Amino acid sequence: MCLAIPGKIIEIKDDLAVVDYGSEKRTGRIVDGDYKVGDYVVIQGGLVIEKIPEDQARDWAEAFSK
């Protein structure tokens, strides 16, 4: 089972998004959708697959920091 945790897009160059998870940064390819810097997203298999509302992303971060 894979657990996908939302991160914040800090940079977009062409079809690649750099996503900050606090302790590390990862790059994901944007295949479909409208994403911008500041959006919270889930990356799976190297692809940006879903945008997450900011309040939900903060709830996840809080839950995993306990």
PDB file of N, CA and C in Angstrom:
ATOM      1  N   MET A   1       0.845  -1.181   0.000  1.00  0.00           N
ATOM      2  CA  MET A   1       0.000   0.000   0.000  1.00  0.00           C
ATOM      3  C   MET A   1       0.884   1.236   0.000  1.00  0.00           C
ATOM      4  N   CYS A   2       0.470   2.221  -0.750  1.00  0.00           N
ATOM      5  CA  CYS A   2       1.225   3.464  -0.866  1.00  0.00           C
ATOM      6  C   CYS A   2       0.418   4.586  -0.207  1.00  0.00           C
ATOM      7  N   LEU A   3       1.096   5.404   0.564  1.00  0.00           N
ATOM      8  CA  LEU A   3       0.450   6.537   1.213  1.00  0.00           C
ATOM      9  C   LEU A   3       0.890   7.805   0.509  1.00  0.00           C
ATOM     10  N   ALA A   4      -0.030   8.508  -0.103  1.00  0.00           N
ATOM     11  CA  ALA A   4       0.272   9.741  -0.821  1.00  0.00           C
ATOM     12  C   ALA A   4       0.007  10.933   0.099  1.00  0.00           C
ATOM     13  N   ILE A   5       1.032  11.753   0.259  1.00  0.00           N
ATOM     14  CA  ILE A   5       0.941  12.910   1.144  1.00  0.00           C
ATOM     15  C   ILE A   5       1.018  14.181   0.304  1.00  0.00           C
ATOM     16  N   PRO A   6       0.136  15.147   0.542  1.00  0.00           N
ATOM     17  CA  PRO A   6       0.181  16.371  -0.257  1.00  0.00           C
ATOM     18  C   PRO A   6       1.395  17.233   0.060  1.00  0.00           C
ATOM     19  N   GLY A   7       1.891  17.890  -0.977  1.00  0.00           N
ATOM     20  CA  GLY A   7       2.972  18.856  -0.845  1.00  0.00           C
ATOM     21  C   GLY A   7       2.601  20.108  -1.611  1.00  0.00           C
ATOM     22  N   LYS A   8       3.404  21.156  -1.438  1.00  0.00           N
ATOM     23  CA  LYS A   8       3.104  22.453  -2.044  1.00  0.00           C
ATOM     24  C   LYS A   8       4.008  22.690  -3.255  1.00  0.00           C
ATOM     25  N   ILE A   9       3.397  23.062  -4.373  1.00  0.00           N
ATOM     26  CA  ILE A   9       4.177  23.388  -5.572  1.00  0.00           C
ATOM     27  C   ILE A   9       4.929  24.686  -5.315  1.00  0.00           C
ATOM     28  N   ILE A  10       6.263  24.630  -5.498  1.00  0.00           N
ATOM     29  CA  ILE A  10       7.074  25.831  -5.300  1.00  0.00           C
ATOM     30  C   ILE A  10       7.676  26.342  -6.609  1.00  0.00           C
ATOM     31  N   GLU A  11       7.614  25.510  -7.654  1.00  0.00           N
ATOM     32  CA  GLU A  11       8.162  25.921  -8.944  1.00  0.00           C
ATOM     33  C   GLU A  11       7.541  25.061 -10.039  1.00  0.00           C
ATOM     34  N   ILE A  12       7.271  25.690 -11.185  1.00  0.00           N
ATOM     35  CA  ILE A  12       6.811  24.962 -12.360  1.00  0.00           C
ATOM     36  C   ILE A  12       7.661  25.412 -13.544  1.00  0.00           C
ATOM     37  N   LYS A  13       8.224  24.424 -14.230  1.00  0.00           N
ATOM     38  CA  LYS A  13       9.019  24.710 -15.422  1.00  0.00           C
ATOM     39  C   LYS A  13       8.582  23.732 -16.500  1.00  0.00           C
ATOM     40  N   ASP A  14       8.006  24.278 -17.562  1.00  0.00           N
ATOM     41  CA  ASP A  14       7.418  23.456 -18.623  1.00  0.00           C
ATOM     42  C   ASP A  14       6.342  22.563 -18.015  1.00  0.00           C
ATOM     43  N   ASP A  15       6.519  21.240 -18.051  1.00  0.00           N
ATOM     44  CA  ASP A  15       5.501  20.341 -17.485  1.00  0.00           C
ATOM     45  C   ASP A  15       5.974  19.661 -16.201  1.00  0.00           C
ATOM     46  N   LEU A  16       6.995  20.237 -15.559  1.00  0.00           N
ATOM     47  CA  LEU A  16       7.511  19.676 -14.310  1.00  0.00           C
ATOM     48  C   LEU A  16       7.226  20.610 -13.142  1.00  0.00           C
ATOM     49  N   ALA A  17       6.702  20.028 -12.071  1.00  0.00           N
ATOM     50  CA  ALA A  17       6.423  20.794 -10.850  1.00  0.00           C
ATOM     51  C   ALA A  17       7.371  20.333  -9.754  1.00  0.00           C
ATOM     52  N   VAL A  18       8.003  21.284  -9.069  1.00  0.00           N
ATOM     53  CA  VAL A  18       8.807  20.975  -7.886  1.00  0.00           C
ATOM     54  C   VAL A  18       7.890  21.134  -6.687  1.00  0.00           C
ATOM     55  N   VAL A  19       7.762  20.064  -5.906  1.00  0.00           N
ATOM     56  CA  VAL A  19       6.832  20.032  -4.784  1.00  0.00           C
ATOM     57  C   VAL A  19       7.604  19.917  -3.486  1.00  0.00           C
ATOM     58  N   ASP A  20       7.305  20.809  -2.546  1.00  0.00           N
ATOM     59  CA  ASP A  20       7.979  20.862  -1.244  1.00  0.00           C
ATOM     60  C   ASP A  20       7.149  20.125  -0.204  1.00  0.00           C
ATOM     61  N   TYR A  21       7.794  19.170   0.456  1.00  0.00           N
ATOM     62  CA  TYR A  21       7.143  18.396   1.517  1.00  0.00           C
ATOM     63  C   TYR A  21       7.657  18.789   2.896  1.00  0.00           C
ATOM     64  N   GLY A  22       8.402  19.874   2.966  1.00  0.00           N
ATOM     65  CA  GLY A  22       8.951  20.307   4.247  1.00  0.00           C
ATOM     66  C   GLY A  22      10.339  19.738   4.469  1.00  0.00           C
ATOM     67  N   SER A  23      10.453  18.420   4.514  1.00  0.00           N
ATOM     68  CA  SER A  23      11.756  17.789   4.750  1.00  0.00           C
ATOM     69  C   SER A  23      12.467  17.424   3.448  1.00  0.00           C
ATOM     70  N   GLU A  24      11.745  17.439   2.340  1.00  0.00           N
ATOM     71  CA  GLU A  24      12.358  17.138   1.043  1.00  0.00           C
ATOM     72  C   GLU A  24      11.526  17.744  -0.075  1.00  0.00           C
ATOM     73  N   LYS A  25      12.151  17.807  -1.254  1.00  0.00           N
ATOM     74  CA  LYS A  25      11.464  18.303  -2.443  1.00  0.00           C
ATOM     75  C   LYS A  25      11.496  17.205  -3.493  1.00  0.00           C
ATOM     76  N   ARG A  26      10.404  17.083  -4.244  1.00  0.00           N
ATOM     77  CA  ARG A  26      10.314  16.084  -5.312  1.00  0.00           C
ATOM     78  C   ARG A  26       9.769  16.760  -6.566  1.00  0.00           C
ATOM     79  N   THR A  27      10.067  16.154  -7.685  1.00  0.00           N
ATOM     80  CA  THR A  27       9.596  16.668  -8.965  1.00  0.00           C
ATOM     81  C   THR A  27       8.559  15.716  -9.533  1.00  0.00           C
ATOM     82  N   GLY A  28       7.471  16.283 -10.041  1.00  0.00           N
ATOM     83  CA  GLY A  28       6.423  15.486 -10.666  1.00  0.00           C
ATOM     84  C   GLY A  28       6.023  16.087 -11.992  1.00  0.00           C
ATOM     85  N   ARG A  29       5.700  15.245 -12.932  1.00  0.00           N
ATOM     86  CA  ARG A  29       5.286  15.692 -14.259  1.00  0.00           C
ATOM     87  C   ARG A  29       3.788  16.005 -14.256  1.00  0.00           C
ATOM     88  N   ILE A  30       3.452  17.176 -14.793  1.00  0.00           N
ATOM     89  CA  ILE A  30       2.056  17.573 -14.948  1.00  0.00           C
ATOM     90  C   ILE A  30       1.592  17.073 -16.311  1.00  0.00           C
ATOM     91  N   VAL A  31       0.661  16.137 -16.303  1.00  0.00           N
ATOM     92  CA  VAL A  31       0.158  15.559 -17.545  1.00  0.00           C
ATOM     93  C   VAL A  31      -1.170  16.203 -17.932  1.00  0.00           C
ATOM     94  N   ASP A  32      -2.006  16.468 -16.946  1.00  0.00           N
ATOM     95  CA  ASP A  32      -3.326  17.010 -17.211  1.00  0.00           C
ATOM     96  C   ASP A  32      -3.736  17.885 -16.038  1.00  0.00           C
ATOM     97  N   GLY A  33      -4.414  18.962 -16.302  1.00  0.00           N
ATOM     98  CA  GLY A  33      -4.924  19.814 -15.233  1.00  0.00           C
ATOM     99  C   GLY A  33      -4.282  21.181 -15.239  1.00  0.00           C
ATOM    100  N   ASP A  34      -4.853  22.052 -14.436  1.00  0.00           N
ATOM    101  CA  ASP A  34      -4.396  23.434 -14.324  1.00  0.00           C
ATOM    102  C   ASP A  34      -3.789  23.627 -12.939  1.00  0.00           C
ATOM    103  N   TYR A  35      -2.475  23.668 -12.868  1.00  0.00           N
ATOM    104  CA  TYR A  35      -1.768  23.811 -11.594  1.00  0.00           C
ATOM    105  C   TYR A  35      -0.941  25.077 -11.617  1.00  0.00           C
ATOM    106  N   LYS A  36      -0.750  25.660 -10.422  1.00  0.00           N
ATOM    107  CA  LYS A  36       0.071  26.863 -10.303  1.00  0.00           C
ATOM    108  C   LYS A  36       0.897  26.789  -9.017  1.00  0.00           C
ATOM    109  N   VAL A  37       1.921  27.620  -8.944  1.00  0.00           N
ATOM    110  CA  VAL A  37       2.742  27.702  -7.740  1.00  0.00           C
ATOM    111  C   VAL A  37       1.841  28.049  -6.566  1.00  0.00           C
ATOM    112  N   GLY A  38       2.017  27.330  -5.466  1.00  0.00           N
ATOM    113  CA  GLY A  38       1.198  27.543  -4.276  1.00  0.00           C
ATOM    114  C   GLY A  38       0.122  26.487  -4.091  1.00  0.00           C
ATOM    115  N   ASP A  39      -0.207  25.748  -5.161  1.00  0.00           N
ATOM    116  CA  ASP A  39      -1.192  24.674  -5.049  1.00  0.00           C
ATOM    117  C   ASP A  39      -0.619  23.512  -4.255  1.00  0.00           C
ATOM    118  N   TYR A  40      -1.481  22.835  -3.512  1.00  0.00           N
ATOM    119  CA  TYR A  40      -1.104  21.601  -2.815  1.00  0.00           C
ATOM    120  C   TYR A  40      -1.552  20.435  -3.679  1.00  0.00           C
ATOM    121  N   VAL A  41      -0.630  19.490  -3.898  1.00  0.00           N
ATOM    122  CA  VAL A  41      -0.896  18.389  -4.812  1.00  0.00           C
ATOM    123  C   VAL A  41      -0.382  17.072  -4.240  1.00  0.00           C
ATOM    124  N   VAL A  42      -0.818  15.997  -4.878  1.00  0.00           N
ATOM    125  CA  VAL A  42      -0.326  14.658  -4.579  1.00  0.00           C
ATOM    126  C   VAL A  42       0.430  14.177  -5.814  1.00  0.00           C
ATOM    127  N   ILE A  43       1.630  13.644  -5.589  1.00  0.00           N
ATOM    128  CA  ILE A  43       2.416  13.039  -6.662  1.00  0.00           C
ATOM    129  C   ILE A  43       2.426  11.541  -6.427  1.00  0.00           C
ATOM    130  N   GLN A  44       2.187  10.791  -7.498  1.00  0.00           N
ATOM    131  CA  GLN A  44       2.257   9.335  -7.392  1.00  0.00           C
ATOM    132  C   GLN A  44       2.887   8.817  -8.678  1.00  0.00           C
ATOM    133  N   GLY A  45       3.894   7.986  -8.536  1.00  0.00           N
ATOM    134  CA  GLY A  45       4.577   7.443  -9.699  1.00  0.00           C
ATOM    135  C   GLY A  45       5.240   8.504 -10.552  1.00  0.00           C
ATOM    136  N   GLY A  46       5.644   9.618  -9.927  1.00  0.00           N
ATOM    137  CA  GLY A  46       6.301  10.693 -10.656  1.00  0.00           C
ATOM    138  C   GLY A  46       5.359  11.621 -11.393  1.00  0.00           C
ATOM    139  N   LEU A  47       4.049  11.443 -11.208  1.00  0.00           N
ATOM    140  CA  LEU A  47       3.055  12.287 -11.868  1.00  0.00           C
ATOM    141  C   LEU A  47       2.238  13.065 -10.847  1.00  0.00           C
ATOM    142  N   VAL A  48       1.948  14.313 -11.160  1.00  0.00           N
ATOM    143  CA  VAL A  48       1.025  15.099 -10.341  1.00  0.00           C
ATOM    144  C   VAL A  48      -0.371  14.590 -10.678  1.00  0.00           C
ATOM    145  N   ILE A  49      -1.042  13.999  -9.678  1.00  0.00           N
ATOM    146  CA  ILE A  49      -2.318  13.349  -9.978  1.00  0.00           C
ATOM    147  C   ILE A  49      -3.549  14.063  -9.425  1.00  0.00           C
ATOM    148  N   GLU A  50      -3.341  14.944  -8.431  1.00  0.00           N
ATOM    149  CA  GLU A  50      -4.528  15.536  -7.806  1.00  0.00           C
ATOM    150  C   GLU A  50      -4.171  16.813  -7.062  1.00  0.00           C
ATOM    151  N   LYS A  51      -5.056  17.806  -7.162  1.00  0.00           N
ATOM    152  CA  LYS A  51      -4.934  19.035  -6.378  1.00  0.00           C
ATOM    153  C   LYS A  51      -5.734  18.842  -5.092  1.00  0.00           C
ATOM    154  N   ILE A  52      -5.173  19.279  -3.969  1.00  0.00           N
ATOM    155  CA  ILE A  52      -5.788  19.122  -2.651  1.00  0.00           C
ATOM    156  C   ILE A  52      -6.082  20.517  -2.085  1.00  0.00           C
ATOM    157  N   PRO A  53      -7.268  20.742  -1.522  1.00  0.00           N
ATOM    158  CA  PRO A  53      -7.543  22.032  -0.888  1.00  0.00           C
ATOM    159  C   PRO A  53      -6.534  22.303   0.239  1.00  0.00           C
ATOM    160  N   GLU A  54      -6.128  23.559   0.374  1.00  0.00           N
ATOM    161  CA  GLU A  54      -5.106  23.935   1.344  1.00  0.00           C
ATOM    162  C   GLU A  54      -5.454  23.505   2.765  1.00  0.00           C
ATOM    163  N   ASP A  55      -6.702  23.668   3.178  1.00  0.00           N
ATOM    164  CA  ASP A  55      -7.077  23.292   4.544  1.00  0.00           C
ATOM    165  C   ASP A  55      -6.936  21.785   4.759  1.00  0.00           C
ATOM    166  N   GLN A  56      -7.257  21.000   3.762  1.00  0.00           N
ATOM    167  CA  GLN A  56      -7.108  19.551   3.874  1.00  0.00           C
ATOM    168  C   GLN A  56      -5.622  19.165   3.935  1.00  0.00           C
ATOM    169  N   ALA A  57      -4.788  19.823   3.141  1.00  0.00           N
ATOM    170  CA  ALA A  57      -3.347  19.551   3.162  1.00  0.00           C
ATOM    171  C   ALA A  57      -2.766  19.876   4.539  1.00  0.00           C
ATOM    172  N   ARG A  58      -3.217  20.965   5.139  1.00  0.00           N
ATOM    173  CA  ARG A  58      -2.723  21.330   6.480  1.00  0.00           C
ATOM    174  C   ARG A  58      -3.170  20.315   7.527  1.00  0.00           C
ATOM    175  N   ASP A  59      -4.396  19.802   7.399  1.00  0.00           N
ATOM    176  CA  ASP A  59      -4.878  18.760   8.315  1.00  0.00           C
ATOM    177  C   ASP A  59      -4.011  17.516   8.219  1.00  0.00           C
ATOM    178  N   TRP A  60      -3.635  17.129   6.993  1.00  0.00           N
ATOM    179  CA  TRP A  60      -2.765  15.957   6.791  1.00  0.00           C
ATOM    180  C   TRP A  60      -1.413  16.189   7.449  1.00  0.00           C
ATOM    181  N   ALA A  61      -0.834  17.382   7.222  1.00  0.00           N
ATOM    182  CA  ALA A  61       0.480  17.693   7.776  1.00  0.00           C
ATOM    183  C   ALA A  61       0.445  17.647   9.298  1.00  0.00           C
ATOM    184  N   GLU A  62      -0.613  18.168   9.872  1.00  0.00           N
ATOM    185  CA  GLU A  62      -0.764  18.158  11.329  1.00  0.00           C
ATOM    186  C   GLU A  62      -0.892  16.718  11.850  1.00  0.00           C
ATOM    187  N   ALA A  63      -1.659  15.905  11.168  1.00  0.00           N
ATOM    188  CA  ALA A  63      -1.848  14.520  11.597  1.00  0.00           C
ATOM    189  C   ALA A  63      -0.541  13.726  11.557  1.00  0.00           C
ATOM    190  N   PHE A  64       0.293  13.972  10.539  1.00  0.00           N
ATOM    191  CA  PHE A  64       1.540  13.220  10.411  1.00  0.00           C
ATOM    192  C   PHE A  64       2.652  13.758  11.283  1.00  0.00           C
ATOM    193  N   SER A  65       2.480  14.953  11.834  1.00  0.00           N
ATOM    194  CA  SER A  65       3.531  15.523  12.693  1.00  0.00           C
ATOM    195  C   SER A  65       3.384  15.100  14.151  1.00  0.00           C
ATOM    196  N   LYS A  66       2.318  14.393  14.468  1.00  0.00           N
ATOM    197  CA  LYS A  66       2.080  13.970  15.852  1.00  0.00           C
ATOM    198  C   LYS A  66       2.828  12.711  16.170  1.00  0.00           C
TER     199      LYS A  66
END
